[in-house]
């Protein structure tokens, strides 16, 4: 079974053209459920290794280019993924699934629009309208208390300002916030940020579903950029977000948050052909 691995800002994804349903047919043949398939496929050292799996499928509305099924590396389903969406758009464009540079595709968070630049090397996506904004609330943790902010940019995100960002224990406190009773039962992603200039922040993210710090998170960078701007930590738009992996994501939005854009480079890592021995 052919697949492609792409990465955006250090978030890496396995992409499969599943318009013919071959993944589901193969899993039925193997007697393997989708969660097990995803976990084994995304495992580093023993699988391909990735932050998630993206299946590209036929859209429900023929006016859209495709529909995706997105899985985190632990096998859980996510409504939306910013960097994953950019990788999916490049993959679909290169495979001829999306035939124009303006792309529309279906996710659990709604229909996402995207624009292809530099022959797919740069992708800009318009995310769904954020909701649930809440600022300046206290989150008591095991040995400290932090001031949190919340915004759902397709998936839930908490944003915490930390001037000690480089030395902060993102995994420990990110996990505590991710599973905190304040965000039960679904939990939340957690982003720690530090402003660097009037239009730039640095970010570190603990991702729900990966259950660890990742090199980047597109929807998290978007939530962080919006909250940093609303709180006056940055003064200008678009906001540049420097990720743990060193890539820069550019976030732009209007004052009413009706139009929110995420833009950055997308890298094709390799094409592969999946053997199924690890599922036997």
C-alpha atoms as a PDB file:
ATOM      1  CA  UNK A   1       0.000   0.000   0.000  1.00  0.00           C
ATOM      2  CA  UNK A   2       1.509   3.302  -1.104  1.00  0.00           C
ATOM      3  CA  UNK A   3       1.840   6.194   1.317  1.00  0.00           C
ATOM      4  CA  UNK A   4       3.590   9.555   1.563  1.00  0.00           C
ATOM      5  CA  UNK A   5       5.186  11.160   4.585  1.00  0.00           C
ATOM      6  CA  UNK A   6       5.063  14.951   4.806  1.00  0.00           C
ATOM      7  CA  UNK A   7       5.879  17.412   7.548  1.00  0.00           C
ATOM      8  CA  UNK A   8       4.907  20.970   8.299  1.00  0.00           C
ATOM      9  CA  UNK A   9       6.879  22.898  10.919  1.00  0.00           C
ATOM     10  CA  UNK A  10       8.103  19.595  12.339  1.00  0.00           C
ATOM     11  CA  UNK A  11       4.667  17.955  12.626  1.00  0.00           C
ATOM     12  CA  UNK A  12       4.945  14.809  10.506  1.00  0.00           C
ATOM     13  CA  UNK A  13       2.095  12.836   8.992  1.00  0.00           C
ATOM     14  CA  UNK A  14       1.509   9.653   7.000  1.00  0.00           C
ATOM     15  CA  UNK A  15      -0.879  10.270   4.102  1.00  0.00           C
ATOM     16  CA  UNK A  16      -2.779   7.605   2.150  1.00  0.00           C
ATOM     17  CA  UNK A  17      -5.136   8.015  -0.788  1.00  0.00           C
ATOM     18  CA  UNK A  18      -8.122   6.060   0.500  1.00  0.00           C
ATOM     19  CA  UNK A  19     -10.700   7.117  -2.076  1.00  0.00           C
ATOM     20  CA  UNK A  20     -11.153   3.473  -3.028  1.00  0.00           C
ATOM     21  CA  UNK A  21     -11.509   2.365   0.619  1.00  0.00           C
ATOM     22  CA  UNK A  22      -8.433   0.135   0.449  1.00  0.00           C
ATOM     23  CA  UNK A  23      -7.360   0.865   4.027  1.00  0.00           C
ATOM     24  CA  UNK A  24     -10.674  -0.316   5.479  1.00  0.00           C
ATOM     25  CA  UNK A  25     -10.675  -3.395   3.246  1.00  0.00           C
ATOM     26  CA  UNK A  26      -7.130  -4.301   4.303  1.00  0.00           C
ATOM     27  CA  UNK A  27      -7.907  -3.857   8.000  1.00  0.00           C
ATOM     28  CA  UNK A  28     -10.922  -6.107   7.676  1.00  0.00           C
ATOM     29  CA  UNK A  29      -8.741  -8.693   5.947  1.00  0.00           C
ATOM     30  CA  UNK A  30      -6.131  -8.480   8.717  1.00  0.00           C
ATOM     31  CA  UNK A  31      -8.686  -8.397  11.541  1.00  0.00           C
ATOM     32  CA  UNK A  32      -7.118  -5.189  12.870  1.00  0.00           C
ATOM     33  CA  UNK A  33      -9.080  -2.185  14.153  1.00  0.00           C
ATOM     34  CA  UNK A  34      -8.227   1.324  12.973  1.00  0.00           C
ATOM     35  CA  UNK A  35      -6.849   2.450  16.357  1.00  0.00           C
ATOM     36  CA  UNK A  36      -4.327  -0.405  16.455  1.00  0.00           C
ATOM     37  CA  UNK A  37      -3.402   0.236  12.824  1.00  0.00           C
ATOM     38  CA  UNK A  38      -2.718   3.916  13.516  1.00  0.00           C
ATOM     39  CA  UNK A  39      -0.718   3.294  16.704  1.00  0.00           C
ATOM     40  CA  UNK A  40       1.535   0.696  15.080  1.00  0.00           C
ATOM     41  CA  UNK A  41       1.966   2.703  11.881  1.00  0.00           C
ATOM     42  CA  UNK A  42       2.817   5.940  13.712  1.00  0.00           C
ATOM     43  CA  UNK A  43       5.188   4.292  16.216  1.00  0.00           C
ATOM     44  CA  UNK A  44       8.786   5.420  15.941  1.00  0.00           C
ATOM     45  CA  UNK A  45      11.436   2.682  15.628  1.00  0.00           C
ATOM     46  CA  UNK A  46       8.898  -0.072  14.877  1.00  0.00           C
ATOM     47  CA  UNK A  47       6.600   1.666  12.388  1.00  0.00           C
ATOM     48  CA  UNK A  48       6.870   4.550   9.943  1.00  0.00           C
ATOM     49  CA  UNK A  49       6.842   7.056  12.794  1.00  0.00           C
ATOM     50  CA  UNK A  50       4.605  10.128  12.705  1.00  0.00           C
ATOM     51  CA  UNK A  51       2.406  12.467  14.735  1.00  0.00           C
ATOM     52  CA  UNK A  52      -0.666  11.216  12.904  1.00  0.00           C
ATOM     53  CA  UNK A  53      -2.310   9.448   9.972  1.00  0.00           C
ATOM     54  CA  UNK A  54      -4.383  11.235   7.321  1.00  0.00           C
ATOM     55  CA  UNK A  55      -6.701   9.292   5.011  1.00  0.00           C
ATOM     56  CA  UNK A  56      -7.829  11.206   1.918  1.00  0.00           C
ATOM     57  CA  UNK A  57     -11.320  10.199   0.786  1.00  0.00           C
ATOM     58  CA  UNK A  58     -14.095  11.206  -1.594  1.00  0.00           C
ATOM     59  CA  UNK A  59     -15.962  14.323  -0.419  1.00  0.00           C
ATOM     60  CA  UNK A  60     -19.601  14.166   0.625  1.00  0.00           C
ATOM     61  CA  UNK A  61     -20.203  17.408  -1.293  1.00  0.00           C
ATOM     62  CA  UNK A  62     -18.851  17.168  -4.862  1.00  0.00           C
ATOM     63  CA  UNK A  63     -18.081  20.898  -4.791  1.00  0.00           C
ATOM     64  CA  UNK A  64     -15.258  20.112  -2.360  1.00  0.00           C
ATOM     65  CA  UNK A  65     -12.003  18.472  -3.436  1.00  0.00           C
ATOM     66  CA  UNK A  66     -11.793  15.757  -0.792  1.00  0.00           C
ATOM     67  CA  UNK A  67     -12.678  14.654   2.727  1.00  0.00           C
ATOM     68  CA  UNK A  68     -10.135  13.573   5.293  1.00  0.00           C
ATOM     69  CA  UNK A  69     -10.073  11.247   8.262  1.00  0.00           C
ATOM     70  CA  UNK A  70      -7.453  12.429  10.736  1.00  0.00           C
ATOM     71  CA  UNK A  71      -5.991  10.271  13.502  1.00  0.00           C
ATOM     72  CA  UNK A  72      -3.540  11.229  16.219  1.00  0.00           C
ATOM     73  CA  UNK A  73      -0.638   8.857  16.789  1.00  0.00           C
ATOM     74  CA  UNK A  74      -2.483   7.206  19.691  1.00  0.00           C
ATOM     75  CA  UNK A  75      -5.338   6.236  17.378  1.00  0.00           C
ATOM     76  CA  UNK A  76      -7.760   8.907  18.570  1.00  0.00           C
ATOM     77  CA  UNK A  77      -9.717  11.033  16.106  1.00  0.00           C
ATOM     78  CA  UNK A  78      -9.106  14.798  15.933  1.00  0.00           C
ATOM     79  CA  UNK A  79     -11.570  17.293  14.536  1.00  0.00           C
ATOM     80  CA  UNK A  80      -8.878  19.442  12.977  1.00  0.00           C
ATOM     81  CA  UNK A  81      -5.104  19.834  12.653  1.00  0.00           C
ATOM     82  CA  UNK A  82      -3.568  22.957  11.167  1.00  0.00           C
ATOM     83  CA  UNK A  83      -0.235  21.565  10.039  1.00  0.00           C
ATOM     84  CA  UNK A  84      -1.845  18.285   9.051  1.00  0.00           C
ATOM     85  CA  UNK A  85      -4.284  20.171   6.841  1.00  0.00           C
ATOM     86  CA  UNK A  86      -1.423  21.899   5.047  1.00  0.00           C
ATOM     87  CA  UNK A  87       0.270  18.543   4.432  1.00  0.00           C
ATOM     88  CA  UNK A  88      -3.008  17.042   3.207  1.00  0.00           C
ATOM     89  CA  UNK A  89      -3.479  19.859   0.710  1.00  0.00           C
ATOM     90  CA  UNK A  90       0.004  19.442  -0.757  1.00  0.00           C
ATOM     91  CA  UNK A  91      -0.495  15.660  -1.006  1.00  0.00           C
ATOM     92  CA  UNK A  92      -3.883  16.049  -2.714  1.00  0.00           C
ATOM     93  CA  UNK A  93      -2.509  18.642  -5.123  1.00  0.00           C
ATOM     94  CA  UNK A  94       0.480  16.512  -6.111  1.00  0.00           C
ATOM     95  CA  UNK A  95      -1.734  13.435  -6.591  1.00  0.00           C
ATOM     96  CA  UNK A  96      -4.149  15.360  -8.815  1.00  0.00           C
ATOM     97  CA  UNK A  97      -6.976  14.957  -6.280  1.00  0.00           C
ATOM     98  CA  UNK A  98      -7.142  18.732  -5.900  1.00  0.00           C
ATOM     99  CA  UNK A  99      -6.666  20.175  -9.362  1.00  0.00           C
ATOM    100  CA  UNK A 100      -6.590  23.910  -8.630  1.00  0.00           C
ATOM    101  CA  UNK A 101      -4.533  26.112  -6.334  1.00  0.00           C
ATOM    102  CA  UNK A 102      -7.661  26.999  -4.339  1.00  0.00           C
ATOM    103  CA  UNK A 103      -8.700  23.885  -2.404  1.00  0.00           C
ATOM    104  CA  UNK A 104     -11.705  23.003  -0.250  1.00  0.00           C
ATOM    105  CA  UNK A 105     -11.873  19.885   1.906  1.00  0.00           C
ATOM    106  CA  UNK A 106     -14.114  18.418   4.573  1.00  0.00           C
ATOM    107  CA  UNK A 107     -13.121  17.841   8.214  1.00  0.00           C
ATOM    108  CA  UNK A 108     -15.047  17.157  11.413  1.00  0.00           C
ATOM    109  CA  UNK A 109     -14.541  20.851  12.225  1.00  0.00           C
ATOM    110  CA  UNK A 110     -16.165  21.915   8.946  1.00  0.00           C
ATOM    111  CA  UNK A 111     -15.044  22.754   5.419  1.00  0.00           C
ATOM    112  CA  UNK A 112     -11.500  24.105   5.243  1.00  0.00           C
ATOM    113  CA  UNK A 113     -10.255  26.350   2.444  1.00  0.00           C
ATOM    114  CA  UNK A 114      -6.616  26.440   1.388  1.00  0.00           C
ATOM    115  CA  UNK A 115      -4.367  28.121  -1.128  1.00  0.00           C
ATOM    116  CA  UNK A 116      -1.336  26.512  -2.691  1.00  0.00           C
ATOM    117  CA  UNK A 117       1.787  28.589  -3.243  1.00  0.00           C
ATOM    118  CA  UNK A 118       5.196  27.820  -4.711  1.00  0.00           C
ATOM    119  CA  UNK A 119       3.918  24.623  -6.344  1.00  0.00           C
ATOM    120  CA  UNK A 120       2.861  23.178  -3.017  1.00  0.00           C
ATOM    121  CA  UNK A 121       5.932  24.086  -1.006  1.00  0.00           C
ATOM    122  CA  UNK A 122       3.908  26.704   0.888  1.00  0.00           C
ATOM    123  CA  UNK A 123       0.263  26.217   1.890  1.00  0.00           C
ATOM    124  CA  UNK A 124      -2.096  28.735   3.469  1.00  0.00           C
ATOM    125  CA  UNK A 125      -5.273  27.468   5.117  1.00  0.00           C
ATOM    126  CA  UNK A 126      -8.298  29.365   6.341  1.00  0.00           C
ATOM    127  CA  UNK A 127      -9.344  27.764   9.592  1.00  0.00           C
ATOM    128  CA  UNK A 128     -12.872  27.574  10.928  1.00  0.00           C
ATOM    129  CA  UNK A 129     -14.035  30.464  13.089  1.00  0.00           C
ATOM    130  CA  UNK A 130     -12.547  30.148  16.597  1.00  0.00           C
ATOM    131  CA  UNK A 131     -14.912  29.987  19.543  1.00  0.00           C
ATOM    132  CA  UNK A 132     -15.022  29.656  23.321  1.00  0.00           C
ATOM    133  CA  UNK A 133     -12.582  32.495  24.079  1.00  0.00           C
ATOM    134  CA  UNK A 134     -11.838  32.848  27.775  1.00  0.00           C
ATOM    135  CA  UNK A 135      -8.940  34.818  29.230  1.00  0.00           C
ATOM    136  CA  UNK A 136      -7.115  35.341  32.500  1.00  0.00           C
ATOM    137  CA  UNK A 137      -8.287  32.419  34.623  1.00  0.00           C
ATOM    138  CA  UNK A 138      -6.281  30.579  37.254  1.00  0.00           C
ATOM    139  CA  UNK A 139      -5.283  26.930  36.826  1.00  0.00           C
ATOM    140  CA  UNK A 140      -4.042  25.316  40.058  1.00  0.00           C
ATOM    141  CA  UNK A 141      -1.430  22.621  39.409  1.00  0.00           C
ATOM    142  CA  UNK A 142       0.535  20.254  41.632  1.00  0.00           C
ATOM    143  CA  UNK A 143       3.096  22.784  42.851  1.00  0.00           C
ATOM    144  CA  UNK A 144       2.371  26.031  40.970  1.00  0.00           C
ATOM    145  CA  UNK A 145      -0.589  28.050  39.739  1.00  0.00           C
ATOM    146  CA  UNK A 146      -0.642  29.435  36.182  1.00  0.00           C
ATOM    147  CA  UNK A 147      -2.820  32.002  34.448  1.00  0.00           C
ATOM    148  CA  UNK A 148      -4.581  30.409  31.515  1.00  0.00           C
ATOM    149  CA  UNK A 149      -6.409  31.518  28.391  1.00  0.00           C
ATOM    150  CA  UNK A 150      -8.610  29.323  26.230  1.00  0.00           C
ATOM    151  CA  UNK A 151      -9.632  29.273  22.572  1.00  0.00           C
ATOM    152  CA  UNK A 152     -10.954  26.532  20.317  1.00  0.00           C
ATOM    153  CA  UNK A 153      -9.425  26.853  16.836  1.00  0.00           C
ATOM    154  CA  UNK A 154     -10.895  23.603  15.554  1.00  0.00           C
ATOM    155  CA  UNK A 155      -9.627  21.763  18.627  1.00  0.00           C
ATOM    156  CA  UNK A 156      -9.363  23.087  22.209  1.00  0.00           C
ATOM    157  CA  UNK A 157      -6.267  25.022  23.262  1.00  0.00           C
ATOM    158  CA  UNK A 158      -5.056  26.553  26.506  1.00  0.00           C
ATOM    159  CA  UNK A 159      -2.422  29.284  26.163  1.00  0.00           C
ATOM    160  CA  UNK A 160      -0.091  30.224  29.018  1.00  0.00           C
ATOM    161  CA  UNK A 161       2.425  33.091  28.950  1.00  0.00           C
ATOM    162  CA  UNK A 162       5.824  32.059  30.377  1.00  0.00           C
ATOM    163  CA  UNK A 163       8.871  34.304  30.359  1.00  0.00           C
ATOM    164  CA  UNK A 164      10.915  31.263  31.458  1.00  0.00           C
ATOM    165  CA  UNK A 165       9.778  29.356  28.362  1.00  0.00           C
ATOM    166  CA  UNK A 166      13.129  27.793  27.499  1.00  0.00           C
ATOM    167  CA  UNK A 167      13.541  26.186  30.939  1.00  0.00           C
ATOM    168  CA  UNK A 168       9.884  25.464  31.672  1.00  0.00           C
ATOM    169  CA  UNK A 169       8.835  21.819  32.133  1.00  0.00           C
ATOM    170  CA  UNK A 170       6.353  21.670  29.262  1.00  0.00           C
ATOM    171  CA  UNK A 171       5.730  17.928  29.508  1.00  0.00           C
ATOM    172  CA  UNK A 172       5.018  17.903  33.252  1.00  0.00           C
ATOM    173  CA  UNK A 173       2.769  20.953  33.410  1.00  0.00           C
ATOM    174  CA  UNK A 174       1.346  20.491  29.929  1.00  0.00           C
ATOM    175  CA  UNK A 175       0.156  17.017  30.912  1.00  0.00           C
ATOM    176  CA  UNK A 176      -1.350  18.317  34.162  1.00  0.00           C
ATOM    177  CA  UNK A 177      -3.330  20.974  32.302  1.00  0.00           C
ATOM    178  CA  UNK A 178      -4.270  18.590  29.475  1.00  0.00           C
ATOM    179  CA  UNK A 179      -5.949  16.231  31.989  1.00  0.00           C
ATOM    180  CA  UNK A 180      -7.138  18.955  34.406  1.00  0.00           C
ATOM    181  CA  UNK A 181     -10.699  18.668  35.659  1.00  0.00           C
ATOM    182  CA  UNK A 182     -11.385  22.153  34.283  1.00  0.00           C
ATOM    183  CA  UNK A 183     -11.197  20.706  30.756  1.00  0.00           C
ATOM    184  CA  UNK A 184     -12.774  17.287  31.337  1.00  0.00           C
ATOM    185  CA  UNK A 185     -13.856  15.081  29.776  1.00  0.00           C
ATOM    186  CA  UNK A 186     -12.340  15.897  26.364  1.00  0.00           C
ATOM    187  CA  UNK A 187      -9.156  17.486  27.688  1.00  0.00           C
ATOM    188  CA  UNK A 188      -7.189  20.186  25.921  1.00  0.00           C
ATOM    189  CA  UNK A 189      -3.982  20.963  24.079  1.00  0.00           C
ATOM    190  CA  UNK A 190      -1.620  23.255  25.948  1.00  0.00           C
ATOM    191  CA  UNK A 191       0.605  26.015  24.555  1.00  0.00           C
ATOM    192  CA  UNK A 192       3.260  27.990  26.418  1.00  0.00           C
ATOM    193  CA  UNK A 193       4.351  31.228  24.778  1.00  0.00           C
ATOM    194  CA  UNK A 194       6.866  34.043  25.124  1.00  0.00           C
ATOM    195  CA  UNK A 195       6.668  37.316  23.149  1.00  0.00           C
ATOM    196  CA  UNK A 196       9.876  38.232  21.307  1.00  0.00           C
ATOM    197  CA  UNK A 197       8.893  41.422  19.466  1.00  0.00           C
ATOM    198  CA  UNK A 198       5.826  43.419  18.493  1.00  0.00           C
ATOM    199  CA  UNK A 199       4.810  40.784  15.937  1.00  0.00           C
ATOM    200  CA  UNK A 200       6.621  37.592  16.980  1.00  0.00           C
ATOM    201  CA  UNK A 201       6.195  34.954  19.684  1.00  0.00           C
ATOM    202  CA  UNK A 202       7.949  31.712  20.519  1.00  0.00           C
ATOM    203  CA  UNK A 203       5.842  28.660  21.388  1.00  0.00           C
ATOM    204  CA  UNK A 204       6.127  25.212  22.947  1.00  0.00           C
ATOM    205  CA  UNK A 205       3.140  22.859  22.759  1.00  0.00           C
ATOM    206  CA  UNK A 206       1.920  19.776  24.609  1.00  0.00           C
ATOM    207  CA  UNK A 207      -0.434  17.961  22.219  1.00  0.00           C
ATOM    208  CA  UNK A 208      -3.454  15.958  23.237  1.00  0.00           C
ATOM    209  CA  UNK A 209      -3.451  12.656  21.373  1.00  0.00           C
ATOM    210  CA  UNK A 210       0.325  12.656  20.976  1.00  0.00           C
ATOM    211  CA  UNK A 211       0.592  13.059  24.777  1.00  0.00           C
ATOM    212  CA  UNK A 212       3.939  14.784  24.593  1.00  0.00           C
ATOM    213  CA  UNK A 213       5.613  17.986  23.494  1.00  0.00           C
ATOM    214  CA  UNK A 214       5.688  18.262  19.711  1.00  0.00           C
ATOM    215  CA  UNK A 215       7.843  20.321  17.379  1.00  0.00           C
ATOM    216  CA  UNK A 216       4.828  22.377  16.320  1.00  0.00           C
ATOM    217  CA  UNK A 217       1.033  22.587  16.302  1.00  0.00           C
ATOM    218  CA  UNK A 218      -0.767  24.694  13.704  1.00  0.00           C
ATOM    219  CA  UNK A 219      -4.050  25.189  15.535  1.00  0.00           C
ATOM    220  CA  UNK A 220      -2.081  25.796  18.744  1.00  0.00           C
ATOM    221  CA  UNK A 221       0.077  28.417  17.063  1.00  0.00           C
ATOM    222  CA  UNK A 222      -3.107  30.025  15.776  1.00  0.00           C
ATOM    223  CA  UNK A 223      -4.738  30.119  19.217  1.00  0.00           C
ATOM    224  CA  UNK A 224      -1.507  31.458  20.734  1.00  0.00           C
ATOM    225  CA  UNK A 225      -1.140  34.198  18.120  1.00  0.00           C
ATOM    226  CA  UNK A 226      -4.733  35.371  18.559  1.00  0.00           C
ATOM    227  CA  UNK A 227      -4.557  35.387  22.354  1.00  0.00           C
ATOM    228  CA  UNK A 228      -1.151  37.114  22.351  1.00  0.00           C
ATOM    229  CA  UNK A 229      -2.590  39.854  20.138  1.00  0.00           C
ATOM    230  CA  UNK A 230      -5.807  40.252  22.146  1.00  0.00           C
ATOM    231  CA  UNK A 231      -3.831  40.504  25.385  1.00  0.00           C
ATOM    232  CA  UNK A 232      -1.374  43.040  23.939  1.00  0.00           C
ATOM    233  CA  UNK A 233       1.656  40.759  24.102  1.00  0.00           C
ATOM    234  CA  UNK A 234       2.144  41.516  20.408  1.00  0.00           C
ATOM    235  CA  UNK A 235       0.969  44.671  18.650  1.00  0.00           C
ATOM    236  CA  UNK A 236       0.988  43.849  14.936  1.00  0.00           C
ATOM    237  CA  UNK A 237      -0.593  41.372  12.542  1.00  0.00           C
ATOM    238  CA  UNK A 238       0.181  38.997  10.976  1.00  0.00           C
ATOM    239  CA  UNK A 239       1.808  37.285  13.944  1.00  0.00           C
ATOM    240  CA  UNK A 240       4.904  35.181  13.371  1.00  0.00           C
ATOM    241  CA  UNK A 241       5.129  32.083  15.571  1.00  0.00           C
ATOM    242  CA  UNK A 242       8.513  30.402  16.037  1.00  0.00           C
ATOM    243  CA  UNK A 243       7.944  26.735  16.787  1.00  0.00           C
ATOM    244  CA  UNK A 244      10.026  24.278  18.808  1.00  0.00           C
ATOM    245  CA  UNK A 245      11.282  22.856  15.507  1.00  0.00           C
ATOM    246  CA  UNK A 246      12.528  26.277  14.415  1.00  0.00           C
ATOM    247  CA  UNK A 247      10.036  26.796  11.594  1.00  0.00           C
ATOM    248  CA  UNK A 248       8.051  30.041  11.423  1.00  0.00           C
ATOM    249  CA  UNK A 249       4.286  29.901  11.003  1.00  0.00           C
ATOM    250  CA  UNK A 250       2.434  33.056   9.949  1.00  0.00           C
ATOM    251  CA  UNK A 251      -0.989  33.672  11.497  1.00  0.00           C
ATOM    252  CA  UNK A 252      -3.323  36.389  10.214  1.00  0.00           C
ATOM    253  CA  UNK A 253      -6.884  37.202  11.256  1.00  0.00           C
ATOM    254  CA  UNK A 254      -9.455  39.982  11.205  1.00  0.00           C
ATOM    255  CA  UNK A 255     -10.602  41.763  14.328  1.00  0.00           C
ATOM    256  CA  UNK A 256     -13.834  39.741  14.536  1.00  0.00           C
ATOM    257  CA  UNK A 257     -11.998  36.422  14.073  1.00  0.00           C
ATOM    258  CA  UNK A 258     -14.273  35.660  11.121  1.00  0.00           C
ATOM    259  CA  UNK A 259     -11.284  34.952   8.889  1.00  0.00           C
ATOM    260  CA  UNK A 260      -8.264  33.193  10.375  1.00  0.00           C
ATOM    261  CA  UNK A 261      -5.318  32.045   8.282  1.00  0.00           C
ATOM    262  CA  UNK A 262      -2.365  29.744   8.939  1.00  0.00           C
ATOM    263  CA  UNK A 263       0.533  29.747   6.485  1.00  0.00           C
ATOM    264  CA  UNK A 264       3.868  27.968   6.308  1.00  0.00           C
ATOM    265  CA  UNK A 265       6.156  25.636   4.414  1.00  0.00           C
ATOM    266  CA  UNK A 266       5.297  21.991   3.754  1.00  0.00           C
ATOM    267  CA  UNK A 267       7.980  19.368   3.135  1.00  0.00           C
ATOM    268  CA  UNK A 268       7.569  16.062   1.357  1.00  0.00           C
ATOM    269  CA  UNK A 269       9.829  13.625   3.223  1.00  0.00           C
ATOM    270  CA  UNK A 270       9.415  10.423   1.215  1.00  0.00           C
ATOM    271  CA  UNK A 271       7.074   8.077  -0.635  1.00  0.00           C
ATOM    272  CA  UNK A 272       6.847   4.500   0.639  1.00  0.00           C
ATOM    273  CA  UNK A 273       5.143   1.177   0.202  1.00  0.00           C
ATOM    274  CA  UNK A 274       3.703  -0.318   3.365  1.00  0.00           C
ATOM    275  CA  UNK A 275       4.331  -3.961   4.188  1.00  0.00           C
ATOM    276  CA  UNK A 276       1.933  -5.422   6.735  1.00  0.00           C
ATOM    277  CA  UNK A 277       4.220  -7.660   8.783  1.00  0.00           C
ATOM    278  CA  UNK A 278       3.931  -5.453  11.873  1.00  0.00           C
ATOM    279  CA  UNK A 279       0.183  -6.130  11.933  1.00  0.00           C
ATOM    280  CA  UNK A 280       0.451  -9.931  11.809  1.00  0.00           C
END
